[in-house]
Amino acid sequence: RAWNLLWSDRGMEQNETFTRLLALVTEAYESHPQAREFAPFPTDLTAQPVTHVPVPAADLLQQEQGFTKEYHSGLVEAIRAAGGMAHWLEHYRGTALGDEFVDRFGCFPIIGPGGAFHSAHLRCWVVYMPAGLHYPWHEHQAEEIYLLVAGRAKFSAFGSADHDLEAGEVVFHAANQPHATRTGSDPVLCLVFWRADFDSPLVLSSLQ
């Protein structure tokens, strides 16, 4: 697949790291039938500059040794490599969740604002949660899937039974459907994809 990757003023190592990650994300996505059903992988990708923003969870990911199973060979290490250059987000800094949660919950974009690539049709983030972390109920207008890359976690969604998922499995969240995630003795590493309604805010739900 040929993308319109127009890099400017960026180091070769960063270019190669994010391009390799994108290739592996594409392979993982297109090899998964539920992901393909969710939305076609975008063909309108263009490169954009990334400003490295480190956070405590980025260091935890680099040190993480607890992943038990990996979906799609090489993807975990490609995510770790990109994590050292990524624009990590802190959606919940200053909220009632507190600094302990924010310092352990990791998220950085691959496709979308702050990420290495732009598309008008799909957003993609990495989400990392170490063992023993609860991501409380939250919601957004955008429809979403989590594709588990490594580890396992319990996923809850309002109106549905809880699901214990591991690497290679997918969970779908409908628009404005409150959902939550909890890790037990294992960490989890996920790719998260949104389709449409990209500008809708991510908010904590009233189910807290």
C-alpha atoms as a PDB file:
ATOM      1  CA  ARG A   1       0.000   0.000   0.000  1.00  0.00           C
ATOM      2  CA  ALA A   2       1.336   3.446  -0.873  1.00  0.00           C
ATOM      3  CA  TRP A   3       0.421   6.330   1.436  1.00  0.00           C
ATOM      4  CA  ASN A   4       0.876  10.016   0.797  1.00  0.00           C
ATOM      5  CA  LEU A   5       3.542  10.462   3.486  1.00  0.00           C
ATOM      6  CA  LEU A   6       4.888  13.984   3.258  1.00  0.00           C
ATOM      7  CA  TRP A   7       7.467  14.253   6.026  1.00  0.00           C
ATOM      8  CA  SER A   8       9.160  17.579   6.652  1.00  0.00           C
ATOM      9  CA  ASP A   9      11.844  18.577   9.134  1.00  0.00           C
ATOM     10  CA  ARG A  10      11.755  15.239  10.928  1.00  0.00           C
ATOM     11  CA  GLY A  11      14.565  12.891  11.845  1.00  0.00           C
ATOM     12  CA  MET A  12      15.002   9.672   9.917  1.00  0.00           C
ATOM     13  CA  GLU A  13      14.622   7.572  13.060  1.00  0.00           C
ATOM     14  CA  GLN A  14      11.255   9.115  13.893  1.00  0.00           C
ATOM     15  CA  ASN A  15      10.055   8.756  10.295  1.00  0.00           C
ATOM     16  CA  GLU A  16      11.043   5.114  10.132  1.00  0.00           C
ATOM     17  CA  THR A  17       9.600   4.325  13.566  1.00  0.00           C
ATOM     18  CA  PHE A  18       6.143   5.684  12.865  1.00  0.00           C
ATOM     19  CA  THR A  19       6.053   4.336   9.314  1.00  0.00           C
ATOM     20  CA  ARG A  20       6.884   0.855  10.595  1.00  0.00           C
ATOM     21  CA  LEU A  21       4.241   1.155  13.303  1.00  0.00           C
ATOM     22  CA  LEU A  22       1.631   2.239  10.754  1.00  0.00           C
ATOM     23  CA  ALA A  23       2.452  -0.739   8.536  1.00  0.00           C
ATOM     24  CA  LEU A  24       2.018  -3.178  11.429  1.00  0.00           C
ATOM     25  CA  VAL A  25      -1.175  -1.496  12.621  1.00  0.00           C
ATOM     26  CA  THR A  26      -2.543  -1.746   9.082  1.00  0.00           C
ATOM     27  CA  GLU A  27      -1.678  -5.447   8.853  1.00  0.00           C
ATOM     28  CA  ALA A  28      -3.236  -6.190  12.234  1.00  0.00           C
ATOM     29  CA  TYR A  29      -6.387  -4.237  11.391  1.00  0.00           C
ATOM     30  CA  GLU A  30      -6.899  -5.712   7.954  1.00  0.00           C
ATOM     31  CA  SER A  31      -6.269  -9.253   9.184  1.00  0.00           C
ATOM     32  CA  HIS A  32      -9.091  -8.941  11.735  1.00  0.00           C
ATOM     33  CA  PRO A  33     -12.616  -9.450  10.316  1.00  0.00           C
ATOM     34  CA  GLN A  34     -14.352  -7.413  13.028  1.00  0.00           C
ATOM     35  CA  ALA A  35     -12.031  -4.479  12.439  1.00  0.00           C
ATOM     36  CA  ARG A  36     -12.623  -4.593   8.689  1.00  0.00           C
ATOM     37  CA  GLU A  37     -16.363  -4.682   9.337  1.00  0.00           C
ATOM     38  CA  PHE A  38     -16.091  -1.631  11.609  1.00  0.00           C
ATOM     39  CA  ALA A  39     -14.582   0.578   8.869  1.00  0.00           C
ATOM     40  CA  PRO A  40     -12.195   0.311   5.911  1.00  0.00           C
ATOM     41  CA  PHE A  41      -8.641   1.180   6.857  1.00  0.00           C
ATOM     42  CA  PRO A  42      -8.059   4.701   5.488  1.00  0.00           C
ATOM     43  CA  THR A  43      -6.333   5.304   2.176  1.00  0.00           C
ATOM     44  CA  ASP A  44      -6.142   9.078   2.614  1.00  0.00           C
ATOM     45  CA  LEU A  45      -3.310   9.058   5.189  1.00  0.00           C
ATOM     46  CA  THR A  46      -0.882  11.956   5.219  1.00  0.00           C
ATOM     47  CA  ALA A  47       2.022  12.465   7.582  1.00  0.00           C
ATOM     48  CA  GLN A  48       2.138  15.277  10.098  1.00  0.00           C
ATOM     49  CA  PRO A  49       4.715  16.427  12.659  1.00  0.00           C
ATOM     50  CA  VAL A  50       4.714  14.886  16.130  1.00  0.00           C
ATOM     51  CA  THR A  51       5.737  16.818  19.226  1.00  0.00           C
ATOM     52  CA  HIS A  52       7.095  14.414  21.817  1.00  0.00           C
ATOM     53  CA  VAL A  53       5.201  14.767  25.106  1.00  0.00           C
ATOM     54  CA  PRO A  54       6.412  12.273  27.739  1.00  0.00           C
ATOM     55  CA  VAL A  55       4.255  11.125  30.650  1.00  0.00           C
ATOM     56  CA  PRO A  56       4.851   8.695  33.549  1.00  0.00           C
ATOM     57  CA  ALA A  57       2.857   5.933  31.847  1.00  0.00           C
ATOM     58  CA  ALA A  58       5.264   6.040  28.882  1.00  0.00           C
ATOM     59  CA  ASP A  59       8.056   4.871  31.172  1.00  0.00           C
ATOM     60  CA  LEU A  60       5.820   2.135  32.588  1.00  0.00           C
ATOM     61  CA  LEU A  61       5.175   0.832  29.067  1.00  0.00           C
ATOM     62  CA  GLN A  62       8.886   0.721  28.286  1.00  0.00           C
ATOM     63  CA  GLN A  63       9.502  -1.294  31.464  1.00  0.00           C
ATOM     64  CA  GLU A  64       6.429  -3.549  31.149  1.00  0.00           C
ATOM     65  CA  GLN A  65       7.312  -7.250  31.251  1.00  0.00           C
ATOM     66  CA  GLY A  66       3.875  -8.688  31.995  1.00  0.00           C
ATOM     67  CA  PHE A  67       2.290  -9.117  28.562  1.00  0.00           C
ATOM     68  CA  THR A  68       1.220 -12.745  28.296  1.00  0.00           C
ATOM     69  CA  LYS A  69       0.057 -13.004  24.694  1.00  0.00           C
ATOM     70  CA  GLU A  70       0.679 -10.870  21.622  1.00  0.00           C
ATOM     71  CA  TYR A  71      -1.576 -10.386  18.611  1.00  0.00           C
ATOM     72  CA  HIS A  72       0.384  -9.807  15.400  1.00  0.00           C
ATOM     73  CA  SER A  73       4.127 -10.293  15.670  1.00  0.00           C
ATOM     74  CA  GLY A  74       6.258  -7.210  16.213  1.00  0.00           C
ATOM     75  CA  LEU A  75       3.431  -4.847  17.080  1.00  0.00           C
ATOM     76  CA  VAL A  76       4.200  -4.559  20.796  1.00  0.00           C
ATOM     77  CA  GLU A  77       7.816  -3.605  20.183  1.00  0.00           C
ATOM     78  CA  ALA A  78       6.821  -1.183  17.417  1.00  0.00           C
ATOM     79  CA  ILE A  79       4.438   0.511  19.863  1.00  0.00           C
ATOM     80  CA  ARG A  80       7.166   0.703  22.509  1.00  0.00           C
ATOM     81  CA  ALA A  81       9.546   2.268  19.986  1.00  0.00           C
ATOM     82  CA  ALA A  82       6.997   4.865  18.903  1.00  0.00           C
ATOM     83  CA  GLY A  83       6.113   5.532  22.527  1.00  0.00           C
ATOM     84  CA  GLY A  84       9.541   6.995  23.062  1.00  0.00           C
ATOM     85  CA  MET A  85       8.740   9.693  20.489  1.00  0.00           C
ATOM     86  CA  ALA A  86       4.964  10.019  20.811  1.00  0.00           C
ATOM     87  CA  HIS A  87       2.635  12.810  21.913  1.00  0.00           C
ATOM     88  CA  TRP A  88       1.192  11.164  25.017  1.00  0.00           C
ATOM     89  CA  LEU A  89      -2.180  12.498  26.146  1.00  0.00           C
ATOM     90  CA  GLU A  90      -3.493  13.246  29.624  1.00  0.00           C
ATOM     91  CA  HIS A  91      -7.241  13.564  29.114  1.00  0.00           C
ATOM     92  CA  TYR A  92      -7.998  13.289  32.804  1.00  0.00           C
ATOM     93  CA  ARG A  93      -5.288  15.386  34.449  1.00  0.00           C
ATOM     94  CA  GLY A  94      -6.956  17.684  36.968  1.00  0.00           C
ATOM     95  CA  THR A  95     -10.182  15.640  37.154  1.00  0.00           C
ATOM     96  CA  ALA A  96     -11.670  13.680  40.045  1.00  0.00           C
ATOM     97  CA  LEU A  97      -9.799  10.565  38.874  1.00  0.00           C
ATOM     98  CA  GLY A  98      -6.642  11.928  40.454  1.00  0.00           C
ATOM     99  CA  ASP A  99      -2.976  11.878  39.590  1.00  0.00           C
ATOM    100  CA  GLU A 100      -2.442   8.218  40.501  1.00  0.00           C
ATOM    101  CA  PHE A 101      -4.751   7.116  37.689  1.00  0.00           C
ATOM    102  CA  VAL A 102      -3.358   9.634  35.191  1.00  0.00           C
ATOM    103  CA  ASP A 103       0.238   8.626  35.976  1.00  0.00           C
ATOM    104  CA  ARG A 104      -0.534   4.965  35.196  1.00  0.00           C
ATOM    105  CA  PHE A 105      -2.980   5.242  32.278  1.00  0.00           C
ATOM    106  CA  GLY A 106      -1.225   5.691  28.922  1.00  0.00           C
ATOM    107  CA  CYS A 107      -2.662   6.895  25.601  1.00  0.00           C
ATOM    108  CA  PHE A 108      -1.063   8.316  22.466  1.00  0.00           C
ATOM    109  CA  PRO A 109      -2.476   8.937  18.972  1.00  0.00           C
ATOM    110  CA  ILE A 110      -1.230   7.285  15.782  1.00  0.00           C
ATOM    111  CA  ILE A 111      -3.870   8.689  13.408  1.00  0.00           C
ATOM    112  CA  GLY A 112      -5.422  12.005  14.397  1.00  0.00           C
ATOM    113  CA  PRO A 113      -4.429  15.217  16.190  1.00  0.00           C
ATOM    114  CA  GLY A 114      -1.041  14.804  17.815  1.00  0.00           C
ATOM    115  CA  GLY A 115      -0.367  11.588  15.900  1.00  0.00           C
ATOM    116  CA  ALA A 116       2.064  10.927  13.067  1.00  0.00           C
ATOM    117  CA  PHE A 117      -0.748  10.619  10.506  1.00  0.00           C
ATOM    118  CA  HIS A 118      -3.999  12.314   9.531  1.00  0.00           C
ATOM    119  CA  SER A 119      -7.121  10.781   8.005  1.00  0.00           C
ATOM    120  CA  ALA A 120     -10.586  12.202   7.477  1.00  0.00           C
ATOM    121  CA  HIS A 121     -12.140   8.757   8.020  1.00  0.00           C
ATOM    122  CA  LEU A 122     -10.556   7.020  11.020  1.00  0.00           C
ATOM    123  CA  ARG A 123      -8.771   7.853  14.263  1.00  0.00           C
ATOM    124  CA  CYS A 124      -6.395   5.482  16.034  1.00  0.00           C
ATOM    125  CA  TRP A 125      -4.800   5.550  19.477  1.00  0.00           C
ATOM    126  CA  VAL A 126      -2.653   3.257  21.578  1.00  0.00           C
ATOM    127  CA  VAL A 127      -4.001   2.619  25.076  1.00  0.00           C
ATOM    128  CA  TYR A 128      -1.834   0.991  27.746  1.00  0.00           C
ATOM    129  CA  MET A 129      -2.989  -0.013  31.219  1.00  0.00           C
ATOM    130  CA  PRO A 130      -0.704  -1.732  33.725  1.00  0.00           C
ATOM    131  CA  ALA A 131      -1.983  -4.450  36.047  1.00  0.00           C
ATOM    132  CA  GLY A 132      -4.460  -3.417  38.719  1.00  0.00           C
ATOM    133  CA  LEU A 133      -5.926  -0.318  37.070  1.00  0.00           C
ATOM    134  CA  HIS A 134      -9.576   0.666  36.672  1.00  0.00           C
ATOM    135  CA  TYR A 135     -10.493   2.982  33.767  1.00  0.00           C
ATOM    136  CA  PRO A 136     -13.853   4.286  35.039  1.00  0.00           C
ATOM    137  CA  TRP A 137     -17.070   4.704  33.089  1.00  0.00           C
ATOM    138  CA  HIS A 138     -16.745   7.170  30.212  1.00  0.00           C
ATOM    139  CA  GLU A 139     -18.484   7.841  26.902  1.00  0.00           C
ATOM    140  CA  HIS A 140     -18.356   9.757  23.629  1.00  0.00           C
ATOM    141  CA  GLN A 141     -20.430  10.289  20.517  1.00  0.00           C
ATOM    142  CA  ALA A 142     -17.974   8.448  18.255  1.00  0.00           C
ATOM    143  CA  GLU A 143     -18.430   4.715  17.694  1.00  0.00           C
ATOM    144  CA  GLU A 144     -15.370   2.791  18.785  1.00  0.00           C
ATOM    145  CA  ILE A 145     -13.579  -0.540  18.803  1.00  0.00           C
ATOM    146  CA  TYR A 146     -10.752  -1.763  20.995  1.00  0.00           C
ATOM    147  CA  LEU A 147      -8.432  -4.310  19.352  1.00  0.00           C
ATOM    148  CA  LEU A 148      -6.348  -5.948  22.073  1.00  0.00           C
ATOM    149  CA  VAL A 149      -2.699  -6.184  21.077  1.00  0.00           C
ATOM    150  CA  ALA A 150      -1.324  -7.842  24.226  1.00  0.00           C
ATOM    151  CA  GLY A 151      -2.417  -8.907  27.685  1.00  0.00           C
ATOM    152  CA  ARG A 152      -5.983  -9.099  28.955  1.00  0.00           C
ATOM    153  CA  ALA A 153      -8.633  -6.990  30.677  1.00  0.00           C
ATOM    154  CA  LYS A 154     -12.299  -6.905  31.686  1.00  0.00           C
ATOM    155  CA  PHE A 155     -14.468  -4.654  29.512  1.00  0.00           C
ATOM    156  CA  SER A 156     -17.824  -3.366  30.730  1.00  0.00           C
ATOM    157  CA  ALA A 157     -20.443  -1.547  28.649  1.00  0.00           C
ATOM    158  CA  PHE A 158     -23.811  -0.225  29.783  1.00  0.00           C
ATOM    159  CA  GLY A 159     -26.576  -2.597  28.716  1.00  0.00           C
ATOM    160  CA  SER A 160     -24.180  -5.490  28.009  1.00  0.00           C
ATOM    161  CA  ALA A 161     -22.550  -8.293  29.952  1.00  0.00           C
ATOM    162  CA  ASP A 162     -18.936  -7.868  31.031  1.00  0.00           C
ATOM    163  CA  HIS A 163     -16.314  -9.463  28.784  1.00  0.00           C
ATOM    164  CA  ASP A 164     -12.893 -10.804  29.798  1.00  0.00           C
ATOM    165  CA  LEU A 165     -10.832 -10.296  26.638  1.00  0.00           C
ATOM    166  CA  GLU A 166      -7.271 -11.090  25.634  1.00  0.00           C
ATOM    167  CA  ALA A 167      -4.936 -10.333  22.758  1.00  0.00           C
ATOM    168  CA  GLY A 168      -6.563 -10.717  19.346  1.00  0.00           C
ATOM    169  CA  GLU A 169     -10.095  -9.995  20.546  1.00  0.00           C
ATOM    170  CA  VAL A 170     -12.243  -6.938  19.800  1.00  0.00           C
ATOM    171  CA  VAL A 171     -14.917  -5.042  21.706  1.00  0.00           C
ATOM    172  CA  PHE A 172     -17.322  -2.501  20.157  1.00  0.00           C
ATOM    173  CA  HIS A 173     -18.814   0.554  21.894  1.00  0.00           C
ATOM    174  CA  ALA A 174     -21.807   2.316  20.374  1.00  0.00           C
ATOM    175  CA  ALA A 175     -22.290   6.080  20.326  1.00  0.00           C
ATOM    176  CA  ASN A 176     -22.798   7.495  23.825  1.00  0.00           C
ATOM    177  CA  GLN A 177     -22.619   4.026  25.398  1.00  0.00           C
ATOM    178  CA  PRO A 178     -20.895   4.277  28.797  1.00  0.00           C
ATOM    179  CA  HIS A 179     -18.046   1.805  29.107  1.00  0.00           C
ATOM    180  CA  ALA A 180     -15.181   0.970  31.457  1.00  0.00           C
ATOM    181  CA  THR A 181     -12.071  -1.221  31.556  1.00  0.00           C
ATOM    182  CA  ARG A 182     -10.295  -2.970  34.407  1.00  0.00           C
ATOM    183  CA  THR A 183      -7.022  -4.895  34.480  1.00  0.00           C
ATOM    184  CA  GLY A 184      -6.405  -7.608  37.053  1.00  0.00           C
ATOM    185  CA  SER A 185      -3.069  -9.350  37.455  1.00  0.00           C
ATOM    186  CA  ASP A 186      -2.143  -8.715  33.800  1.00  0.00           C
ATOM    187  CA  PRO A 187      -1.556  -5.467  31.893  1.00  0.00           C
ATOM    188  CA  VAL A 188      -3.235  -4.708  28.575  1.00  0.00           C
ATOM    189  CA  LEU A 189      -2.140  -2.937  25.393  1.00  0.00           C
ATOM    190  CA  CYS A 190      -4.801  -1.942  22.860  1.00  0.00           C
ATOM    191  CA  LEU A 191      -5.380  -0.179  19.587  1.00  0.00           C
ATOM    192  CA  VAL A 192      -8.487   2.007  19.765  1.00  0.00           C
ATOM    193  CA  PHE A 193     -10.300   3.178  16.614  1.00  0.00           C
ATOM    194  CA  TRP A 194     -13.021   5.806  16.181  1.00  0.00           C
ATOM    195  CA  ARG A 195     -15.218   6.315  13.144  1.00  0.00           C
ATOM    196  CA  ALA A 196     -17.128   9.597  12.625  1.00  0.00           C
ATOM    197  CA  ASP A 197     -17.988  12.284  15.203  1.00  0.00           C
ATOM    198  CA  PHE A 198     -14.312  12.877  15.844  1.00  0.00           C
ATOM    199  CA  ASP A 199     -14.860  16.251  17.484  1.00  0.00           C
ATOM    200  CA  SER A 200     -17.185  14.961  20.183  1.00  0.00           C
ATOM    201  CA  PRO A 201     -15.646  15.203  23.658  1.00  0.00           C
ATOM    202  CA  LEU A 202     -14.698  12.207  25.777  1.00  0.00           C
ATOM    203  CA  VAL A 203     -16.436  12.615  29.141  1.00  0.00           C
ATOM    204  CA  LEU A 204     -16.744  10.725  32.396  1.00  0.00           C
ATOM    205  CA  SER A 205     -20.167   9.093  32.707  1.00  0.00           C
ATOM    206  CA  SER A 206     -22.717   9.521  35.459  1.00  0.00           C
ATOM    207  CA  LEU A 207     -22.273   5.811  36.337  1.00  0.00           C
ATOM    208  CA  GLN A 208     -19.170   6.521  38.435  1.00  0.00           C
END
